[in-house]
């Protein structure tokens, strides 16, 4: 009888160790996913700040040429202000979408100024901002992949139970602006 109780206790202890190891594994993988999201967002944030720095330089170059385009310059300034005031991922995404749209307008208006297009500084800043835009797009994709993986994991059983104990909630995806989703009319 004593051997039976020993076997039962060993079995209970072994089961407890297995359950604890399993929970620790889930916890560690959720922490890794959470930190990947933070890292991905930090990478986007760095690029957004670089774009702001380049935009300041671009605006200084453009102002001399585009004296009659106050509306475009005002929109760029408003977009920069919105970005600087944004706190959450959603707010920054909206400000980023606003900035992307405004930059398209700025570059389109610049086409009407041959001297500006020929300006070497403008061309360099335009190229640099376009390069940063491409990098931001890549980082958004990585961020959204990380968020999607995290959101799926915290909703799946058994990870759901650990996630709830830790207070993890679904994260917001970095989404495109409504204007970027609209059909574009192309005329030939």
C-alpha atoms as a PDB file:
ATOM      1  CA  UNK A   1       0.000   0.000   0.000  1.00  0.00           C
ATOM      2  CA  UNK A   2       2.853   2.345   0.818  1.00  0.00           C
ATOM      3  CA  UNK A   3       4.419   1.696  -2.594  1.00  0.00           C
ATOM      4  CA  UNK A   4       1.109   2.591  -4.251  1.00  0.00           C
ATOM      5  CA  UNK A   5       0.981   5.939  -2.412  1.00  0.00           C
ATOM      6  CA  UNK A   6       4.588   6.624  -3.379  1.00  0.00           C
ATOM      7  CA  UNK A   7       3.817   5.893  -7.041  1.00  0.00           C
ATOM      8  CA  UNK A   8       0.739   8.154  -6.873  1.00  0.00           C
ATOM      9  CA  UNK A   9       2.755  11.014  -5.311  1.00  0.00           C
ATOM     10  CA  UNK A  10       5.549  10.597  -7.828  1.00  0.00           C
ATOM     11  CA  UNK A  11       2.944  10.636 -10.596  1.00  0.00           C
ATOM     12  CA  UNK A  12       1.317  13.795  -9.184  1.00  0.00           C
ATOM     13  CA  UNK A  13       4.672  15.540  -8.821  1.00  0.00           C
ATOM     14  CA  UNK A  14       5.701  14.487 -12.334  1.00  0.00           C
ATOM     15  CA  UNK A  15       2.381  15.725 -13.743  1.00  0.00           C
ATOM     16  CA  UNK A  16       2.774  19.036 -11.880  1.00  0.00           C
ATOM     17  CA  UNK A  17       6.299  19.468 -13.286  1.00  0.00           C
ATOM     18  CA  UNK A  18       5.034  18.765 -16.818  1.00  0.00           C
ATOM     19  CA  UNK A  19       2.130  21.236 -16.455  1.00  0.00           C
ATOM     20  CA  UNK A  20       4.432  23.920 -15.011  1.00  0.00           C
ATOM     21  CA  UNK A  21       6.981  23.406 -17.811  1.00  0.00           C
ATOM     22  CA  UNK A  22       4.183  23.601 -20.371  1.00  0.00           C
ATOM     23  CA  UNK A  23       2.816  26.856 -18.854  1.00  0.00           C
ATOM     24  CA  UNK A  24       6.331  28.336 -18.728  1.00  0.00           C
ATOM     25  CA  UNK A  25       6.768  27.458 -22.410  1.00  0.00           C
ATOM     26  CA  UNK A  26       3.520  29.209 -23.321  1.00  0.00           C
ATOM     27  CA  UNK A  27       4.439  32.205 -21.173  1.00  0.00           C
ATOM     28  CA  UNK A  28       7.879  32.517 -22.762  1.00  0.00           C
ATOM     29  CA  UNK A  29       6.538  32.293 -26.302  1.00  0.00           C
ATOM     30  CA  UNK A  30       3.888  34.962 -25.592  1.00  0.00           C
ATOM     31  CA  UNK A  31       6.526  37.243 -24.068  1.00  0.00           C
ATOM     32  CA  UNK A  32       8.706  36.722 -27.156  1.00  0.00           C
ATOM     33  CA  UNK A  33       5.785  37.665 -29.427  1.00  0.00           C
ATOM     34  CA  UNK A  34       4.961  40.734 -27.314  1.00  0.00           C
ATOM     35  CA  UNK A  35       8.569  41.894 -27.492  1.00  0.00           C
ATOM     36  CA  UNK A  36       8.689  41.283 -31.271  1.00  0.00           C
ATOM     37  CA  UNK A  37       5.752  43.670 -31.592  1.00  0.00           C
ATOM     38  CA  UNK A  38       7.581  46.301 -29.535  1.00  0.00           C
ATOM     39  CA  UNK A  39      10.703  45.847 -31.646  1.00  0.00           C
ATOM     40  CA  UNK A  40       8.738  46.029 -34.900  1.00  0.00           C
ATOM     41  CA  UNK A  41       6.991  49.207 -33.772  1.00  0.00           C
ATOM     42  CA  UNK A  42      10.301  50.753 -32.681  1.00  0.00           C
ATOM     43  CA  UNK A  43      11.711  50.072 -36.141  1.00  0.00           C
ATOM     44  CA  UNK A  44       8.734  51.828 -37.736  1.00  0.00           C
ATOM     45  CA  UNK A  45       9.000  54.704 -35.273  1.00  0.00           C
ATOM     46  CA  UNK A  46      12.682  55.244 -36.095  1.00  0.00           C
ATOM     47  CA  UNK A  47      11.882  55.429 -39.805  1.00  0.00           C
ATOM     48  CA  UNK A  48       8.963  57.776 -39.227  1.00  0.00           C
ATOM     49  CA  UNK A  49      11.264  60.099 -37.293  1.00  0.00           C
ATOM     50  CA  UNK A  50      13.889  59.896 -40.050  1.00  0.00           C
ATOM     51  CA  UNK A  51      11.199  60.830 -42.547  1.00  0.00           C
ATOM     52  CA  UNK A  52      10.258  63.821 -40.382  1.00  0.00           C
ATOM     53  CA  UNK A  53      13.891  64.975 -40.362  1.00  0.00           C
ATOM     54  CA  UNK A  54      14.187  64.603 -44.133  1.00  0.00           C
ATOM     55  CA  UNK A  55      10.845  66.323 -44.600  1.00  0.00           C
ATOM     56  CA  UNK A  56      12.050  69.359 -42.657  1.00  0.00           C
ATOM     57  CA  UNK A  57      15.028  69.639 -44.997  1.00  0.00           C
ATOM     58  CA  UNK A  58      12.807  69.096 -48.040  1.00  0.00           C
ATOM     59  CA  UNK A  59      10.379  71.791 -46.911  1.00  0.00           C
ATOM     60  CA  UNK A  60      13.202  74.288 -46.533  1.00  0.00           C
ATOM     61  CA  UNK A  61      14.277  73.529 -50.110  1.00  0.00           C
ATOM     62  CA  UNK A  62      10.735  73.694 -51.491  1.00  0.00           C
ATOM     63  CA  UNK A  63       9.603  76.927 -49.799  1.00  0.00           C
ATOM     64  CA  UNK A  64      11.718  79.126 -52.017  1.00  0.00           C
ATOM     65  CA  UNK A  65      10.286  77.643 -55.196  1.00  0.00           C
ATOM     66  CA  UNK A  66       6.657  77.055 -54.249  1.00  0.00           C
ATOM     67  CA  UNK A  67       5.590  80.430 -52.883  1.00  0.00           C
ATOM     68  CA  UNK A  68       2.170  80.103 -54.528  1.00  0.00           C
ATOM     69  CA  UNK A  69       1.436  76.624 -53.172  1.00  0.00           C
ATOM     70  CA  UNK A  70       0.586  77.550 -49.600  1.00  0.00           C
ATOM     71  CA  UNK A  71      -2.204  74.951 -49.348  1.00  0.00           C
ATOM     72  CA  UNK A  72       0.162  72.060 -50.044  1.00  0.00           C
ATOM     73  CA  UNK A  73       2.791  73.437 -47.675  1.00  0.00           C
ATOM     74  CA  UNK A  74       0.135  73.959 -44.989  1.00  0.00           C
ATOM     75  CA  UNK A  75      -1.056  70.357 -45.358  1.00  0.00           C
ATOM     76  CA  UNK A  76       2.508  69.080 -44.975  1.00  0.00           C
ATOM     77  CA  UNK A  77       2.919  71.159 -41.829  1.00  0.00           C
ATOM     78  CA  UNK A  78      -0.407  69.894 -40.448  1.00  0.00           C
ATOM     79  CA  UNK A  79       0.601  66.292 -41.167  1.00  0.00           C
ATOM     80  CA  UNK A  80       3.942  66.805 -39.396  1.00  0.00           C
ATOM     81  CA  UNK A  81       2.163  68.313 -36.387  1.00  0.00           C
ATOM     82  CA  UNK A  82      -0.346  65.430 -36.292  1.00  0.00           C
ATOM     83  CA  UNK A  83       2.528  62.940 -36.289  1.00  0.00           C
ATOM     84  CA  UNK A  84       4.379  64.725 -33.496  1.00  0.00           C
ATOM     85  CA  UNK A  85       1.216  64.805 -31.350  1.00  0.00           C
ATOM     86  CA  UNK A  86       0.264  61.165 -31.994  1.00  0.00           C
ATOM     87  CA  UNK A  87       0.637  58.887 -28.981  1.00  0.00           C
ATOM     88  CA  UNK A  88      -0.920  55.517 -29.779  1.00  0.00           C
ATOM     89  CA  UNK A  89      -0.158  53.152 -32.638  1.00  0.00           C
ATOM     90  CA  UNK A  90      -3.541  53.997 -34.164  1.00  0.00           C
ATOM     91  CA  UNK A  91      -2.914  57.748 -33.952  1.00  0.00           C
ATOM     92  CA  UNK A  92       0.550  57.365 -35.438  1.00  0.00           C
ATOM     93  CA  UNK A  93      -0.846  55.197 -38.218  1.00  0.00           C
ATOM     94  CA  UNK A  94      -3.431  57.873 -39.049  1.00  0.00           C
ATOM     95  CA  UNK A  95      -0.784  60.596 -38.978  1.00  0.00           C
ATOM     96  CA  UNK A  96       1.517  58.458 -41.125  1.00  0.00           C
ATOM     97  CA  UNK A  97      -1.246  57.890 -43.664  1.00  0.00           C
ATOM     98  CA  UNK A  98      -1.932  61.626 -43.690  1.00  0.00           C
ATOM     99  CA  UNK A  99       1.769  62.305 -44.257  1.00  0.00           C
ATOM    100  CA  UNK A 100       2.015  59.772 -47.086  1.00  0.00           C
ATOM    101  CA  UNK A 101      -0.970  61.334 -48.833  1.00  0.00           C
ATOM    102  CA  UNK A 102       0.425  64.837 -48.346  1.00  0.00           C
ATOM    103  CA  UNK A 103       3.819  63.830 -49.722  1.00  0.00           C
ATOM    104  CA  UNK A 104       2.149  62.474 -52.846  1.00  0.00           C
ATOM    105  CA  UNK A 105       0.468  65.854 -53.310  1.00  0.00           C
ATOM    106  CA  UNK A 106       3.708  67.713 -52.687  1.00  0.00           C
ATOM    107  CA  UNK A 107       5.627  65.647 -55.220  1.00  0.00           C
ATOM    108  CA  UNK A 108       2.795  66.002 -57.747  1.00  0.00           C
ATOM    109  CA  UNK A 109       2.762  69.802 -57.366  1.00  0.00           C
ATOM    110  CA  UNK A 110       6.556  69.858 -57.646  1.00  0.00           C
ATOM    111  CA  UNK A 111       6.154  68.535 -61.183  1.00  0.00           C
ATOM    112  CA  UNK A 112       4.875  72.025 -62.120  1.00  0.00           C
ATOM    113  CA  UNK A 113       8.175  73.611 -61.098  1.00  0.00           C
ATOM    114  CA  UNK A 114      10.977  72.648 -63.502  1.00  0.00           C
ATOM    115  CA  UNK A 115      13.563  74.625 -61.529  1.00  0.00           C
ATOM    116  CA  UNK A 116      12.587  72.754 -58.365  1.00  0.00           C
ATOM    117  CA  UNK A 117      12.722  69.373 -60.089  1.00  0.00           C
ATOM    118  CA  UNK A 118      16.179  70.293 -61.386  1.00  0.00           C
ATOM    119  CA  UNK A 119      17.372  71.308 -57.910  1.00  0.00           C
ATOM    120  CA  UNK A 120      19.862  68.717 -56.729  1.00  0.00           C
ATOM    121  CA  UNK A 121      18.900  69.016 -53.051  1.00  0.00           C
ATOM    122  CA  UNK A 122      15.213  68.508 -53.844  1.00  0.00           C
ATOM    123  CA  UNK A 123      16.002  65.425 -55.917  1.00  0.00           C
ATOM    124  CA  UNK A 124      18.132  63.990 -53.102  1.00  0.00           C
ATOM    125  CA  UNK A 125      15.479  64.636 -50.451  1.00  0.00           C
ATOM    126  CA  UNK A 126      12.729  63.263 -52.685  1.00  0.00           C
ATOM    127  CA  UNK A 127      14.784  60.135 -53.322  1.00  0.00           C
ATOM    128  CA  UNK A 128      15.616  59.724 -49.630  1.00  0.00           C
ATOM    129  CA  UNK A 129      11.981  60.151 -48.567  1.00  0.00           C
ATOM    130  CA  UNK A 130      10.853  57.651 -51.211  1.00  0.00           C
ATOM    131  CA  UNK A 131      13.452  55.196 -49.921  1.00  0.00           C
ATOM    132  CA  UNK A 132      12.242  55.703 -46.339  1.00  0.00           C
ATOM    133  CA  UNK A 133       8.625  55.212 -47.486  1.00  0.00           C
ATOM    134  CA  UNK A 134       9.603  51.830 -48.955  1.00  0.00           C
ATOM    135  CA  UNK A 135      11.328  50.856 -45.714  1.00  0.00           C
ATOM    136  CA  UNK A 136       8.307  51.955 -43.671  1.00  0.00           C
ATOM    137  CA  UNK A 137       6.108  49.792 -45.871  1.00  0.00           C
ATOM    138  CA  UNK A 138       8.342  46.772 -45.241  1.00  0.00           C
ATOM    139  CA  UNK A 139       8.400  47.419 -41.493  1.00  0.00           C
ATOM    140  CA  UNK A 140       4.613  47.797 -41.416  1.00  0.00           C
ATOM    141  CA  UNK A 141       4.300  44.347 -42.937  1.00  0.00           C
ATOM    142  CA  UNK A 142       6.626  42.841 -40.306  1.00  0.00           C
ATOM    143  CA  UNK A 143       4.760  44.682 -37.533  1.00  0.00           C
ATOM    144  CA  UNK A 144       1.392  43.457 -38.779  1.00  0.00           C
ATOM    145  CA  UNK A 145       2.717  39.893 -39.071  1.00  0.00           C
ATOM    146  CA  UNK A 146       3.945  40.062 -35.476  1.00  0.00           C
ATOM    147  CA  UNK A 147       0.656  41.532 -34.227  1.00  0.00           C
ATOM    148  CA  UNK A 148      -1.370  38.980 -36.172  1.00  0.00           C
ATOM    149  CA  UNK A 149       0.640  36.070 -34.741  1.00  0.00           C
ATOM    150  CA  UNK A 150       0.284  37.491 -31.220  1.00  0.00           C
ATOM    151  CA  UNK A 151      -3.463  38.093 -31.617  1.00  0.00           C
ATOM    152  CA  UNK A 152      -4.010  34.551 -32.894  1.00  0.00           C
ATOM    153  CA  UNK A 153      -1.975  32.996 -30.097  1.00  0.00           C
ATOM    154  CA  UNK A 154      -3.768  34.850 -27.297  1.00  0.00           C
ATOM    155  CA  UNK A 155      -7.115  33.676 -28.670  1.00  0.00           C
ATOM    156  CA  UNK A 156      -6.170  30.000 -29.113  1.00  0.00           C
ATOM    157  CA  UNK A 157      -6.597  27.387 -26.444  1.00  0.00           C
ATOM    158  CA  UNK A 158      -4.488  26.713 -24.336  1.00  0.00           C
ATOM    159  CA  UNK A 159      -2.564  30.003 -24.769  1.00  0.00           C
ATOM    160  CA  UNK A 160      -5.808  31.872 -24.136  1.00  0.00           C
ATOM    161  CA  UNK A 161      -5.753  30.913 -20.449  1.00  0.00           C
ATOM    162  CA  UNK A 162      -2.178  32.084 -19.893  1.00  0.00           C
ATOM    163  CA  UNK A 163      -2.786  35.277 -21.900  1.00  0.00           C
ATOM    164  CA  UNK A 164      -5.839  36.104 -19.795  1.00  0.00           C
ATOM    165  CA  UNK A 165      -3.890  35.550 -16.577  1.00  0.00           C
ATOM    166  CA  UNK A 166      -1.251  37.968 -17.887  1.00  0.00           C
ATOM    167  CA  UNK A 167      -3.838  40.500 -19.020  1.00  0.00           C
ATOM    168  CA  UNK A 168      -2.770  40.346 -22.675  1.00  0.00           C
ATOM    169  CA  UNK A 169      -5.229  41.869 -25.119  1.00  0.00           C
ATOM    170  CA  UNK A 170      -5.296  41.950 -28.898  1.00  0.00           C
ATOM    171  CA  UNK A 171      -3.042  44.564 -30.477  1.00  0.00           C
ATOM    172  CA  UNK A 172      -4.044  46.992 -33.195  1.00  0.00           C
ATOM    173  CA  UNK A 173      -2.799  46.428 -36.736  1.00  0.00           C
ATOM    174  CA  UNK A 174      -1.143  49.233 -38.671  1.00  0.00           C
ATOM    175  CA  UNK A 175      -3.760  49.889 -41.344  1.00  0.00           C
ATOM    176  CA  UNK A 176      -3.777  51.777 -44.608  1.00  0.00           C
ATOM    177  CA  UNK A 177      -5.733  54.974 -44.949  1.00  0.00           C
ATOM    178  CA  UNK A 178      -9.177  54.788 -46.494  1.00  0.00           C
ATOM    179  CA  UNK A 179      -7.933  56.943 -49.379  1.00  0.00           C
ATOM    180  CA  UNK A 180      -5.216  54.373 -50.135  1.00  0.00           C
ATOM    181  CA  UNK A 181      -7.877  51.656 -50.451  1.00  0.00           C
ATOM    182  CA  UNK A 182     -10.076  53.603 -52.852  1.00  0.00           C
ATOM    183  CA  UNK A 183     -10.074  52.794 -56.544  1.00  0.00           C
ATOM    184  CA  UNK A 184      -7.869  55.107 -58.525  1.00  0.00           C
ATOM    185  CA  UNK A 185      -9.176  56.358 -61.830  1.00  0.00           C
ATOM    186  CA  UNK A 186      -6.513  56.126 -64.489  1.00  0.00           C
ATOM    187  CA  UNK A 187      -6.935  58.111 -67.666  1.00  0.00           C
ATOM    188  CA  UNK A 188      -4.953  57.642 -70.856  1.00  0.00           C
END
